[in-house]
C-alpha atoms as a PDB file:
ATOM      1  CA  MET A   1      -2.325  -7.557  29.123  1.00  0.00           C
ATOM      2  CA  ALA A   2      -4.800 -10.351  28.906  1.00  0.00           C
ATOM      3  CA  SER A   3      -8.491 -10.650  27.842  1.00  0.00           C
ATOM      4  CA  GLY A   4     -10.537 -13.209  29.688  1.00  0.00           C
ATOM      5  CA  ASN A   5      -8.872 -16.613  30.056  1.00  0.00           C
ATOM      6  CA  PHE A   6      -7.715 -17.076  26.498  1.00  0.00           C
ATOM      7  CA  PHE A   7      -5.325 -14.317  25.193  1.00  0.00           C
ATOM      8  CA  ARG A   8      -2.143 -13.005  26.714  1.00  0.00           C
ATOM      9  CA  GLU A   9      -0.021 -10.267  25.356  1.00  0.00           C
ATOM     10  CA  VAL A  10       3.722 -11.235  24.899  1.00  0.00           C
ATOM     11  CA  GLU A  11       6.820  -9.439  23.846  1.00  0.00           C
ATOM     12  CA  LEU A  12       9.358 -10.237  20.970  1.00  0.00           C
ATOM     13  CA  PRO A  13      12.771  -8.633  20.447  1.00  0.00           C
ATOM     14  CA  GLU A  14      11.766  -7.243  17.048  1.00  0.00           C
ATOM     15  CA  GLN A  15       8.980  -5.106  18.456  1.00  0.00           C
ATOM     16  CA  LYS A  16       9.480  -1.303  18.445  1.00  0.00           C
ATOM     17  CA  PRO A  17       7.689   1.255  20.580  1.00  0.00           C
ATOM     18  CA  ASP A  18       5.425   3.651  18.726  1.00  0.00           C
ATOM     19  CA  THR A  19       5.030   7.402  19.441  1.00  0.00           C
ATOM     20  CA  ASP A  20       2.833   6.561  22.423  1.00  0.00           C
ATOM     21  CA  GLY A  21       5.321   4.136  23.786  1.00  0.00           C
ATOM     22  CA  ALA A  22       3.175   0.897  23.099  1.00  0.00           C
ATOM     23  CA  LEU A  23       4.847  -1.949  21.474  1.00  0.00           C
ATOM     24  CA  PHE A  24       4.290  -2.388  17.720  1.00  0.00           C
ATOM     25  CA  PRO A  25       2.750  -4.886  16.791  1.00  0.00           C
ATOM     26  CA  ALA A  26       0.707  -6.287  19.378  1.00  0.00           C
ATOM     27  CA  VAL A  27       1.656  -9.970  19.932  1.00  0.00           C
ATOM     28  CA  LEU A  28      -0.920 -12.430  21.397  1.00  0.00           C
ATOM     29  CA  SER A  29      -0.597 -15.936  22.550  1.00  0.00           C
ATOM     30  CA  PRO A  30      -2.955 -18.499  24.289  1.00  0.00           C
ATOM     31  CA  ILE A  31      -2.930 -18.351  27.990  1.00  0.00           C
ATOM     32  CA  SER A  32      -3.859 -22.073  28.385  1.00  0.00           C
ATOM     33  CA  ASN A  33      -1.534 -24.768  27.305  1.00  0.00           C
ATOM     34  CA  THR A  34      -4.023 -27.460  28.091  1.00  0.00           C
ATOM     35  CA  GLU A  35      -3.942 -30.437  25.781  1.00  0.00           C
ATOM     36  CA  PHE A  36      -6.950 -30.746  23.535  1.00  0.00           C
ATOM     37  CA  THR A  37      -7.444 -32.054  20.085  1.00  0.00           C
ATOM     38  CA  ALA A  38      -6.324 -29.816  17.344  1.00  0.00           C
ATOM     39  CA  LYS A  39     -10.028 -29.344  16.231  1.00  0.00           C
ATOM     40  CA  ALA A  40     -11.191 -28.451  19.840  1.00  0.00           C
ATOM     41  CA  LYS A  41      -8.332 -26.071  20.007  1.00  0.00           C
ATOM     42  CA  LEU A  42      -9.312 -24.399  16.752  1.00  0.00           C
ATOM     43  CA  CYS A  43     -12.917 -24.151  17.923  1.00  0.00           C
ATOM     44  CA  GLY A  44     -11.729 -22.643  21.136  1.00  0.00           C
ATOM     45  CA  PHE A  45      -9.775 -20.063  19.258  1.00  0.00           C
ATOM     46  CA  GLU A  46     -12.701 -19.225  16.966  1.00  0.00           C
ATOM     47  CA  GLU A  47     -15.154 -18.792  20.079  1.00  0.00           C
ATOM     48  CA  ALA A  48     -12.556 -16.643  21.805  1.00  0.00           C
ATOM     49  CA  ILE A  49     -12.433 -14.282  18.794  1.00  0.00           C
ATOM     50  CA  LYS A  50     -16.199 -14.096  18.706  1.00  0.00           C
ATOM     51  CA  ALA A  51     -16.293 -13.420  22.467  1.00  0.00           C
ATOM     52  CA  HIS A  52     -13.620 -10.835  22.556  1.00  0.00           C
ATOM     53  CA  LYS A  53     -14.076  -9.189  19.230  1.00  0.00           C
ATOM     54  CA  PRO A  54     -14.682  -5.585  20.621  1.00  0.00           C
ATOM     55  CA  TRP A  55     -11.322  -5.885  22.505  1.00  0.00           C
ATOM     56  CA  LEU A  56      -9.546  -7.234  19.720  1.00  0.00           C
ATOM     57  CA  GLU A  57     -10.808  -4.533  17.310  1.00  0.00           C
ATOM     58  CA  SER A  58      -9.831  -1.814  19.931  1.00  0.00           C
ATOM     59  CA  LEU A  59      -6.323  -3.485  20.237  1.00  0.00           C
ATOM     60  CA  LEU A  60      -6.021  -3.326  16.388  1.00  0.00           C
ATOM     61  CA  GLN A  61      -7.165   0.318  16.291  1.00  0.00           C
ATOM     62  CA  LYS A  62      -4.685   1.396  18.987  1.00  0.00           C
ATOM     63  CA  ARG A  63      -1.648  -0.758  17.954  1.00  0.00           C
ATOM     64  CA  GLY A  64      -2.076  -0.997  14.111  1.00  0.00           C
ATOM     65  CA  ALA A  65      -1.390  -4.741  13.845  1.00  0.00           C
ATOM     66  CA  ILE A  66      -1.864  -8.010  15.902  1.00  0.00           C
ATOM     67  CA  LEU A  67       0.309 -11.010  15.428  1.00  0.00           C
ATOM     68  CA  PHE A  68      -1.584 -14.271  16.838  1.00  0.00           C
ATOM     69  CA  ARG A  69       1.251 -16.729  17.500  1.00  0.00           C
ATOM     70  CA  GLY A  70       0.954 -20.205  18.961  1.00  0.00           C
ATOM     71  CA  PHE A  71      -2.645 -20.805  18.024  1.00  0.00           C
ATOM     72  CA  PRO A  72      -3.958 -23.966  16.392  1.00  0.00           C
ATOM     73  CA  VAL A  73      -4.174 -22.591  12.836  1.00  0.00           C
ATOM     74  CA  ASN A  74      -2.530 -25.481  10.820  1.00  0.00           C
ATOM     75  CA  SER A  75      -4.256 -25.233   7.355  1.00  0.00           C
ATOM     76  CA  THR A  76      -5.885 -23.030   4.775  1.00  0.00           C
ATOM     77  CA  SER A  77      -9.322 -24.348   5.924  1.00  0.00           C
ATOM     78  CA  ASP A  78      -8.445 -23.446   9.579  1.00  0.00           C
ATOM     79  CA  MET A  79      -7.403 -19.904   8.429  1.00  0.00           C
ATOM     80  CA  ASN A  80     -10.651 -19.491   6.556  1.00  0.00           C
ATOM     81  CA  ASP A  81     -12.532 -20.413   9.803  1.00  0.00           C
ATOM     82  CA  VAL A  82     -10.509 -17.828  11.620  1.00  0.00           C
ATOM     83  CA  VAL A  83     -11.340 -15.071   9.076  1.00  0.00           C
ATOM     84  CA  ASP A  84     -15.056 -16.091   9.262  1.00  0.00           C
ATOM     85  CA  ALA A  85     -15.031 -15.866  13.126  1.00  0.00           C
ATOM     86  CA  PHE A  86     -13.871 -12.150  12.918  1.00  0.00           C
ATOM     87  CA  GLY A  87     -17.032 -11.425  10.745  1.00  0.00           C
ATOM     88  CA  PHE A  88     -15.478  -8.676   8.692  1.00  0.00           C
ATOM     89  CA  PRO A  89     -17.076  -8.296   5.276  1.00  0.00           C
ATOM     90  CA  GLU A  90     -14.948  -9.497   2.280  1.00  0.00           C
ATOM     91  CA  ALA A  91     -13.063  -7.057   0.070  1.00  0.00           C
ATOM     92  CA  PHE A  92     -12.615  -7.963  -3.521  1.00  0.00           C
ATOM     93  CA  TYR A  93      -9.536  -7.466  -5.346  1.00  0.00           C
ATOM     94  CA  VAL A  94     -11.020  -5.671  -8.400  1.00  0.00           C
ATOM     95  CA  GLY A  95      -8.295  -3.392 -10.110  1.00  0.00           C
ATOM     96  CA  GLY A  96      -5.585  -5.115  -8.003  1.00  0.00           C
ATOM     97  CA  ARG A  97      -2.119  -4.984  -9.440  1.00  0.00           C
ATOM     98  CA  ALA A  98      -0.641  -8.201  -8.349  1.00  0.00           C
ATOM     99  CA  SER A  99      -1.194 -11.785  -9.524  1.00  0.00           C
ATOM    100  CA  ARG A 100      -3.143 -13.723  -7.016  1.00  0.00           C
ATOM    101  CA  THR A 101      -4.934 -17.128  -6.908  1.00  0.00           C
ATOM    102  CA  LYS A 102      -8.011 -18.090  -4.737  1.00  0.00           C
ATOM    103  CA  ILE A 103      -7.224 -20.969  -2.669  1.00  0.00           C
ATOM    104  CA  LEU A 104     -10.276 -21.525  -0.514  1.00  0.00           C
ATOM    105  CA  GLY A 105     -13.195 -19.571   0.611  1.00  0.00           C
ATOM    106  CA  ARG A 106     -11.689 -15.980   1.380  1.00  0.00           C
ATOM    107  CA  ILE A 107      -8.097 -17.143   1.428  1.00  0.00           C
ATOM    108  CA  TYR A 108      -5.871 -16.140  -1.539  1.00  0.00           C
ATOM    109  CA  THR A 109      -2.142 -16.379  -2.386  1.00  0.00           C
ATOM    110  CA  THR A 110      -0.116 -13.391  -1.561  1.00  0.00           C
ATOM    111  CA  ASN A 111       1.810 -11.732  -4.367  1.00  0.00           C
ATOM    112  CA  GLU A 112       2.885 -14.465  -6.863  1.00  0.00           C
ATOM    113  CA  ALA A 113       6.035 -12.580  -8.017  1.00  0.00           C
ATOM    114  CA  PRO A 114       9.314 -14.542  -7.531  1.00  0.00           C
ATOM    115  CA  GLN A 115       9.920 -14.727  -3.689  1.00  0.00           C
ATOM    116  CA  ASP A 116      13.669 -13.884  -4.117  1.00  0.00           C
ATOM    117  CA  ARG A 117      12.415 -10.299  -4.898  1.00  0.00           C
ATOM    118  CA  THR A 118      11.753  -7.369  -2.647  1.00  0.00           C
ATOM    119  CA  ILE A 119       8.111  -5.898  -2.679  1.00  0.00           C
ATOM    120  CA  PRO A 120       8.391  -2.405  -1.558  1.00  0.00           C
ATOM    121  CA  PHE A 121       6.178  -0.836   1.305  1.00  0.00           C
ATOM    122  CA  HIS A 122       2.697  -0.016   0.489  1.00  0.00           C
ATOM    123  CA  HIS A 123      -0.857   0.314   1.687  1.00  0.00           C
ATOM    124  CA  GLU A 124      -2.836  -2.436   0.038  1.00  0.00           C
ATOM    125  CA  MET A 125      -4.778  -1.073  -3.093  1.00  0.00           C
ATOM    126  CA  ALA A 126      -4.011   2.634  -2.090  1.00  0.00           C
ATOM    127  CA  TYR A 127      -4.097   3.460  -5.884  1.00  0.00           C
ATOM    128  CA  VAL A 128      -7.943   2.945  -6.002  1.00  0.00           C
ATOM    129  CA  PRO A 129     -10.732   4.450  -4.082  1.00  0.00           C
ATOM    130  CA  ASP A 130     -12.076   1.151  -2.938  1.00  0.00           C
ATOM    131  CA  TYR A 131      -9.362  -0.431  -0.792  1.00  0.00           C
ATOM    132  CA  PRO A 132      -9.479  -2.907   2.186  1.00  0.00           C
ATOM    133  CA  SER A 133      -9.373  -1.787   5.722  1.00  0.00           C
ATOM    134  CA  LYS A 134      -7.994  -4.967   7.228  1.00  0.00           C
ATOM    135  CA  LEU A 135      -5.669  -7.725   6.007  1.00  0.00           C
ATOM    136  CA  PHE A 136      -4.979 -11.140   7.315  1.00  0.00           C
ATOM    137  CA  PHE A 137      -1.714 -12.928   6.530  1.00  0.00           C
ATOM    138  CA  PHE A 138      -1.271 -16.530   7.377  1.00  0.00           C
ATOM    139  CA  CYS A 139       1.937 -18.372   7.450  1.00  0.00           C
ATOM    140  CA  GLU A 140       1.338 -22.006   6.280  1.00  0.00           C
ATOM    141  CA  GLU A 141       4.907 -22.739   5.622  1.00  0.00           C
ATOM    142  CA  ALA A 142       7.558 -20.700   7.389  1.00  0.00           C
ATOM    143  CA  PRO A 143      10.757 -19.685   5.693  1.00  0.00           C
ATOM    144  CA  GLU A 144      13.990 -21.027   6.897  1.00  0.00           C
ATOM    145  CA  SER A 145      15.564 -17.735   6.242  1.00  0.00           C
ATOM    146  CA  GLY A 146      14.261 -14.431   4.791  1.00  0.00           C
ATOM    147  CA  GLY A 147      10.886 -13.840   3.383  1.00  0.00           C
ATOM    148  CA  GLU A 148       9.497 -11.585   6.190  1.00  0.00           C
ATOM    149  CA  THR A 149       6.560  -9.240   5.946  1.00  0.00           C
ATOM    150  CA  PRO A 150       8.026  -6.171   7.449  1.00  0.00           C
ATOM    151  CA  ILE A 151       5.164  -3.616   8.723  1.00  0.00           C
ATOM    152  CA  VAL A 152       5.435   0.105   9.684  1.00  0.00           C
ATOM    153  CA  LEU A 153       3.245   2.627  11.178  1.00  0.00           C
ATOM    154  CA  SER A 154       2.117   5.027   8.542  1.00  0.00           C
ATOM    155  CA  HIS A 155       1.770   8.175  10.613  1.00  0.00           C
ATOM    156  CA  ILE A 156       5.461   7.886  11.615  1.00  0.00           C
ATOM    157  CA  ILE A 157       6.527   7.945   8.027  1.00  0.00           C
ATOM    158  CA  TYR A 158       4.317  11.033   7.238  1.00  0.00           C
ATOM    159  CA  GLU A 159       5.734  12.800  10.327  1.00  0.00           C
ATOM    160  CA  LYS A 160       9.248  12.058   9.231  1.00  0.00           C
ATOM    161  CA  MET A 161       8.965  12.889   5.779  1.00  0.00           C
ATOM    162  CA  LYS A 162       7.211  16.214   6.571  1.00  0.00           C
ATOM    163  CA  GLU A 163      10.172  17.052   8.807  1.00  0.00           C
ATOM    164  CA  LYS A 164      12.641  16.107   6.200  1.00  0.00           C
ATOM    165  CA  HIS A 165      10.989  17.182   3.029  1.00  0.00           C
ATOM    166  CA  PRO A 166       8.215  19.631   3.859  1.00  0.00           C
ATOM    167  CA  GLU A 167       7.786  20.995   0.293  1.00  0.00           C
ATOM    168  CA  PHE A 168       7.493  17.452  -1.037  1.00  0.00           C
ATOM    169  CA  VAL A 169       4.839  16.503   1.483  1.00  0.00           C
ATOM    170  CA  ALA A 170       2.914  19.772   0.865  1.00  0.00           C
ATOM    171  CA  LYS A 171       2.807  18.988  -2.946  1.00  0.00           C
ATOM    172  CA  LEU A 172       1.739  15.491  -1.981  1.00  0.00           C
ATOM    173  CA  GLU A 173      -1.100  16.844   0.351  1.00  0.00           C
ATOM    174  CA  GLU A 174      -2.224  19.514  -2.287  1.00  0.00           C
ATOM    175  CA  HIS A 175      -2.029  17.573  -5.529  1.00  0.00           C
ATOM    176  CA  GLY A 176      -2.175  13.713  -4.627  1.00  0.00           C
ATOM    177  CA  LEU A 177      -0.626  11.144  -7.042  1.00  0.00           C
ATOM    178  CA  THR A 178      -1.596   9.775 -10.396  1.00  0.00           C
ATOM    179  CA  TYR A 179      -0.766   6.104 -11.088  1.00  0.00           C
ATOM    180  CA  MET A 180      -0.077   4.714 -14.546  1.00  0.00           C
ATOM    181  CA  LYS A 181       0.343   1.323 -15.643  1.00  0.00           C
ATOM    182  CA  ILE A 182       0.492  -0.798 -18.883  1.00  0.00           C
ATOM    183  CA  MET A 183      -1.134  -4.086 -18.394  1.00  0.00           C
ATOM    184  CA  SER A 184      -1.224  -6.880 -20.992  1.00  0.00           C
ATOM    185  CA  ASP A 185      -4.158  -9.296 -21.264  1.00  0.00           C
ATOM    186  CA  GLU A 186      -2.165 -12.133 -19.404  1.00  0.00           C
ATOM    187  CA  ASP A 187      -0.656 -12.128 -16.131  1.00  0.00           C
ATOM    188  CA  LEU A 188       3.105 -11.601 -15.831  1.00  0.00           C
ATOM    189  CA  PRO A 189       4.251 -13.634 -12.762  1.00  0.00           C
ATOM    190  CA  SER A 190       7.729 -12.267 -12.899  1.00  0.00           C
ATOM    191  CA  SER A 191       6.454  -8.811 -11.801  1.00  0.00           C
ATOM    192  CA  PHE A 192       5.093  -7.868  -8.402  1.00  0.00           C
ATOM    193  CA  THR A 193       2.536  -5.646 -10.171  1.00  0.00           C
ATOM    194  CA  GLY A 194       2.084  -8.313 -12.948  1.00  0.00           C
ATOM    195  CA  SER A 195      -1.742  -8.704 -13.021  1.00  0.00           C
ATOM    196  CA  GLY A 196      -3.216  -8.696 -16.491  1.00  0.00           C
ATOM    197  CA  TRP A 197      -6.233  -6.547 -17.009  1.00  0.00           C
ATOM    198  CA  LYS A 198      -8.335  -9.535 -17.435  1.00  0.00           C
ATOM    199  CA  SER A 199      -7.488 -10.775 -14.013  1.00  0.00           C
ATOM    200  CA  ALA A 200      -7.493  -7.336 -12.585  1.00  0.00           C
ATOM    201  CA  TYR A 201     -11.082  -6.487 -13.741  1.00  0.00           C
ATOM    202  CA  MET A 202     -12.193 -10.183 -13.624  1.00  0.00           C
ATOM    203  CA  THR A 203     -13.541 -10.342 -17.181  1.00  0.00           C
ATOM    204  CA  ASP A 204     -12.200 -10.747 -20.744  1.00  0.00           C
ATOM    205  CA  ASP A 205     -14.660  -8.166 -22.143  1.00  0.00           C
ATOM    206  CA  LYS A 206     -13.223  -4.744 -22.615  1.00  0.00           C
ATOM    207  CA  ASN A 207     -16.446  -2.976 -22.226  1.00  0.00           C
ATOM    208  CA  ILE A 208     -16.958  -4.547 -18.779  1.00  0.00           C
ATOM    209  CA  ALA A 209     -13.308  -3.801 -17.864  1.00  0.00           C
ATOM    210  CA  GLU A 210     -13.894  -0.115 -18.659  1.00  0.00           C
ATOM    211  CA  GLU A 211     -17.084  -0.121 -16.556  1.00  0.00           C
ATOM    212  CA  ARG A 212     -15.297  -1.646 -13.563  1.00  0.00           C
ATOM    213  CA  ALA A 213     -12.360   0.615 -13.953  1.00  0.00           C
ATOM    214  CA  ALA A 214     -14.641   3.658 -14.213  1.00  0.00           C
ATOM    215  CA  LYS A 215     -16.070   2.912 -10.926  1.00  0.00           C
ATOM    216  CA  GLN A 216     -12.603   3.066  -9.360  1.00  0.00           C
ATOM    217  CA  GLY A 217     -11.765   6.250 -11.260  1.00  0.00           C
ATOM    218  CA  THR A 218      -9.465   4.645 -13.552  1.00  0.00           C
ATOM    219  CA  LYS A 219      -9.315   5.443 -17.258  1.00  0.00           C
ATOM    220  CA  LEU A 220      -8.297   2.745 -19.733  1.00  0.00           C
ATOM    221  CA  GLU A 221      -6.458   3.377 -22.968  1.00  0.00           C
ATOM    222  CA  TRP A 222      -6.295   0.433 -25.167  1.00  0.00           C
ATOM    223  CA  MET A 223      -3.173  -0.481 -26.957  1.00  0.00           C
ATOM    224  CA  GLY A 224      -4.235  -3.499 -28.934  1.00  0.00           C
ATOM    225  CA  ASN A 225      -4.750  -6.350 -26.397  1.00  0.00           C
ATOM    226  CA  ALA A 226      -2.774  -4.377 -23.768  1.00  0.00           C
ATOM    227  CA  VAL A 227      -4.184  -1.375 -21.890  1.00  0.00           C
ATOM    228  CA  LYS A 228      -2.732   1.838 -20.080  1.00  0.00           C
ATOM    229  CA  THR A 229      -4.380   2.462 -16.822  1.00  0.00           C
ATOM    230  CA  ILE A 230      -4.539   6.028 -15.497  1.00  0.00           C
ATOM    231  CA  THR A 231      -5.977   6.357 -11.911  1.00  0.00           C
ATOM    232  CA  GLY A 232      -6.010   9.770 -10.050  1.00  0.00           C
ATOM    233  CA  PRO A 233      -5.188  12.026  -8.724  1.00  0.00           C
ATOM    234  CA  MET A 234      -5.524   9.991  -5.607  1.00  0.00           C
ATOM    235  CA  PRO A 235      -4.793  11.337  -2.175  1.00  0.00           C
ATOM    236  CA  GLY A 236      -1.127  10.659  -1.167  1.00  0.00           C
ATOM    237  CA  VAL A 237      -1.867  11.403   2.547  1.00  0.00           C
ATOM    238  CA  ARG A 238      -5.033  10.519   4.225  1.00  0.00           C
ATOM    239  CA  PHE A 239      -6.386  11.303   7.663  1.00  0.00           C
ATOM    240  CA  ASP A 240      -7.204   8.318   9.712  1.00  0.00           C
ATOM    241  CA  LYS A 241     -10.303   9.026  11.670  1.00  0.00           C
ATOM    242  CA  GLY A 242      -9.733   6.032  14.085  1.00  0.00           C
ATOM    243  CA  SER A 243      -6.237   7.298  15.126  1.00  0.00           C
ATOM    244  CA  GLN A 244      -6.784  11.013  14.510  1.00  0.00           C
ATOM    245  CA  ARG A 245      -3.486  11.228  12.569  1.00  0.00           C
ATOM    246  CA  LYS A 246      -2.518  11.804   9.029  1.00  0.00           C
ATOM    247  CA  THR A 247      -0.928   8.731   7.339  1.00  0.00           C
ATOM    248  CA  TRP A 248       1.401   8.140   4.429  1.00  0.00           C
ATOM    249  CA  PHE A 249      -1.389   6.332   2.659  1.00  0.00           C
ATOM    250  CA  ASN A 250      -0.043   5.612  -0.916  1.00  0.00           C
ATOM    251  CA  SER A 251       1.917   3.173  -3.124  1.00  0.00           C
ATOM    252  CA  LEU A 252       4.794   5.653  -3.821  1.00  0.00           C
ATOM    253  CA  ALA A 253       7.605   3.227  -2.858  1.00  0.00           C
ATOM    254  CA  ASN A 254       6.258   0.440  -5.116  1.00  0.00           C
ATOM    255  CA  SER A 255       5.129   2.548  -8.030  1.00  0.00           C
ATOM    256  CA  TYR A 256       8.107   4.780  -8.278  1.00  0.00           C
ATOM    257  CA  GLY A 257      10.952   3.553 -10.692  1.00  0.00           C
ATOM    258  CA  GLY A 258      13.488   6.491 -10.506  1.00  0.00           C
ATOM    259  CA  PRO A 259      17.141   6.136  -9.616  1.00  0.00           C
ATOM    260  CA  ALA A 260      16.408   5.935  -5.904  1.00  0.00           C
ATOM    261  CA  ASN A 261      14.404   2.755  -6.629  1.00  0.00           C
ATOM    262  CA  ALA A 262      16.387   1.213  -9.413  1.00  0.00           C
ATOM    263  CA  GLU A 263      15.913  -2.237  -8.045  1.00  0.00           C
ATOM    264  CA  ILE A 264      12.299  -2.163  -9.062  1.00  0.00           C
ATOM    265  CA  TYR A 265      12.563  -0.164 -12.225  1.00  0.00           C
ATOM    266  CA  ASP A 266       9.773  -0.947 -14.558  1.00  0.00           C
ATOM    267  CA  ASP A 267       8.991   1.093 -17.730  1.00  0.00           C
ATOM    268  CA  LYS A 268       5.441  -0.211 -17.608  1.00  0.00           C
ATOM    269  CA  ARG A 269       4.606   1.393 -14.338  1.00  0.00           C
ATOM    270  CA  SER A 270       4.906   5.045 -13.394  1.00  0.00           C
ATOM    271  CA  ILE A 271       3.673   7.747 -10.918  1.00  0.00           C
ATOM    272  CA  GLU A 272       3.746  11.525 -10.650  1.00  0.00           C
ATOM    273  CA  PHE A 273       2.021  14.195  -8.731  1.00  0.00           C
ATOM    274  CA  GLY A 274      -1.596  14.864  -9.480  1.00  0.00           C
ATOM    275  CA  ASN A 275      -0.584  18.097 -11.348  1.00  0.00           C
ATOM    276  CA  GLY A 276       1.671  16.260 -13.567  1.00  0.00           C
ATOM    277  CA  GLU A 277       4.986  17.162 -11.867  1.00  0.00           C
ATOM    278  CA  PRO A 278       7.610  14.455 -11.537  1.00  0.00           C
ATOM    279  CA  LEU A 279       8.627  13.295  -8.157  1.00  0.00           C
ATOM    280  CA  SER A 280      11.861  14.249  -6.291  1.00  0.00           C
ATOM    281  CA  ASP A 281      14.421  11.493  -6.304  1.00  0.00           C
ATOM    282  CA  ASP A 282      15.960  12.852  -3.267  1.00  0.00           C
ATOM    283  CA  ALA A 283      12.607  12.779  -1.347  1.00  0.00           C
ATOM    284  CA  MET A 284      12.092   9.343  -2.581  1.00  0.00           C
ATOM    285  CA  LYS A 285      15.495   8.158  -1.517  1.00  0.00           C
ATOM    286  CA  ASP A 286      14.830   9.448   2.050  1.00  0.00           C
ATOM    287  CA  CYS A 287      11.351   7.917   1.988  1.00  0.00           C
ATOM    288  CA  LEU A 288      12.662   4.457   1.191  1.00  0.00           C
ATOM    289  CA  ARG A 289      15.373   4.881   3.932  1.00  0.00           C
ATOM    290  CA  ILE A 290      12.919   5.930   6.499  1.00  0.00           C
ATOM    291  CA  LEU A 291      10.509   3.071   5.741  1.00  0.00           C
ATOM    292  CA  GLU A 292      13.369   0.635   6.300  1.00  0.00           C
ATOM    293  CA  GLU A 293      14.535   2.284   9.419  1.00  0.00           C
ATOM    294  CA  GLU A 294      11.140   2.438  11.143  1.00  0.00           C
ATOM    295  CA  CYS A 295       9.761  -1.000  10.145  1.00  0.00           C
ATOM    296  CA  VAL A 296       9.360  -4.171  12.104  1.00  0.00           C
ATOM    297  CA  ALA A 297      10.257  -7.422  10.571  1.00  0.00           C
ATOM    298  CA  ILE A 298       9.347 -10.474  12.773  1.00  0.00           C
ATOM    299  CA  PRO A 299      10.428 -13.781  11.287  1.00  0.00           C
ATOM    300  CA  TRP A 300       7.450 -16.093  10.437  1.00  0.00           C
ATOM    301  CA  LYS A 301       6.503 -19.135  12.320  1.00  0.00           C
ATOM    302  CA  LYS A 302       4.182 -21.838  10.952  1.00  0.00           C
ATOM    303  CA  GLY A 303       0.568 -21.070  12.127  1.00  0.00           C
ATOM    304  CA  ASP A 304       1.204 -17.282  12.608  1.00  0.00           C
ATOM    305  CA  VAL A 305      -1.798 -14.958  11.802  1.00  0.00           C
ATOM    306  CA  MET A 306      -1.180 -11.466  11.470  1.00  0.00           C
ATOM    307  CA  LEU A 307      -4.091  -8.962  11.390  1.00  0.00           C
ATOM    308  CA  VAL A 308      -3.177  -5.630   9.975  1.00  0.00           C
ATOM    309  CA  ASN A 309      -5.101  -2.284   9.930  1.00  0.00           C
ATOM    310  CA  ASN A 310      -4.509  -1.174   6.262  1.00  0.00           C
ATOM    311  CA  LEU A 311      -5.414   2.374   7.080  1.00  0.00           C
ATOM    312  CA  MET A 312      -2.641   2.581   9.657  1.00  0.00           C
ATOM    313  CA  VAL A 313       0.052   0.435   8.516  1.00  0.00           C
ATOM    314  CA  LEU A 314       2.079  -0.243   5.322  1.00  0.00           C
ATOM    315  CA  HIS A 315       3.534  -3.646   4.598  1.00  0.00           C
ATOM    316  CA  SER A 316       6.247  -5.089   2.272  1.00  0.00           C
ATOM    317  CA  ARG A 317       8.123  -8.353   1.625  1.00  0.00           C
ATOM    318  CA  ARG A 318      11.705  -9.225   2.084  1.00  0.00           C
ATOM    319  CA  PRO A 319      13.451 -11.599  -0.318  1.00  0.00           C
ATOM    320  CA  LEU A 320      13.302 -15.277   0.467  1.00  0.00           C
ATOM    321  CA  ILE A 321      16.829 -16.617   1.261  1.00  0.00           C
ATOM    322  CA  LYS A 322      16.016 -20.139   2.200  1.00  0.00           C
ATOM    323  CA  PRO A 323      12.765 -22.015   1.066  1.00  0.00           C
ATOM    324  CA  PRO A 324      10.093 -22.929   1.680  1.00  0.00           C
ATOM    325  CA  ARG A 325       7.664 -20.013   2.201  1.00  0.00           C
ATOM    326  CA  ARG A 326       3.845 -19.969   2.003  1.00  0.00           C
ATOM    327  CA  ILE A 327       2.023 -16.838   3.072  1.00  0.00           C
ATOM    328  CA  LEU A 328      -1.638 -16.562   2.331  1.00  0.00           C
ATOM    329  CA  VAL A 329      -3.901 -13.585   2.701  1.00  0.00           C
ATOM    330  CA  SER A 330      -7.497 -12.340   3.050  1.00  0.00           C
ATOM    331  CA  LEU A 331      -8.719  -8.928   2.342  1.00  0.00           C
ATOM    332  CA  CYS A 332     -11.524  -7.376   4.493  1.00  0.00           C
ATOM    333  CA  LYS A 333     -13.602  -4.191   4.349  1.00  0.00           C
END
């Protein structure tokens, strides 16, 4: 498949067919290998994005994610220009659980937890009502080994979990989920949900933090300089209007700290059904297994840009085995 005289669809061995037979994710490379200056190439990429935006958005809706490989995106500034070329409104990380740093314009660091740690699968900010619909990931420095960002189609997880654990899924659909977390006033870089409340709510004023939390349906219970956040019940399953499918839209895998998820146990973070019932460890064990079985993990190459439909696709991070690795992100509405 090609669009105009700029994009061509290519295949990679890691891709998997979705339930409709299309390969996931879509992978696009430039058609022309004509030698131009780096600046001219980048301008050409930006103009092609603008010219073919309806086609690219349609492809994103059909396939869930697009990996742009081989395009002249070499720096944070280049990536910021690419994000601007798409023209999606910026989504702000208010109430976010991860430590992040703004680099330039709309570009931020990804989760700043130690890169030798796994970050489980999740939809970005599924624990609050105001979540981004699209995510851009940019590989500024490619890992020599490990450090992939696996992705998986959410409707597949929903369907397989409903088949394997229908009662668990029925409770999830009926009651939703309540997320709880204890936040200190400072960031904890050792945790992948280590954002302090001052960073999460972008203020050092407790009253302003409460106002911003309330807008997201989050209650704050102060514990000296720390705070317990209680959000929910939030839906654990959502109907995606674009794909007309139910999706596993939640942060179950990276919020649950029971025996099935001992690797990420954290007594400052917990999750339960919206009616207060605990989660089934057997169901969670299968959930984690299914996520790994169904995901696609394409090794990063320098200059890769991955655009993810956050309403359709969960993502995670595998441990970095051999540095360096620098992946940046931009969140969009």
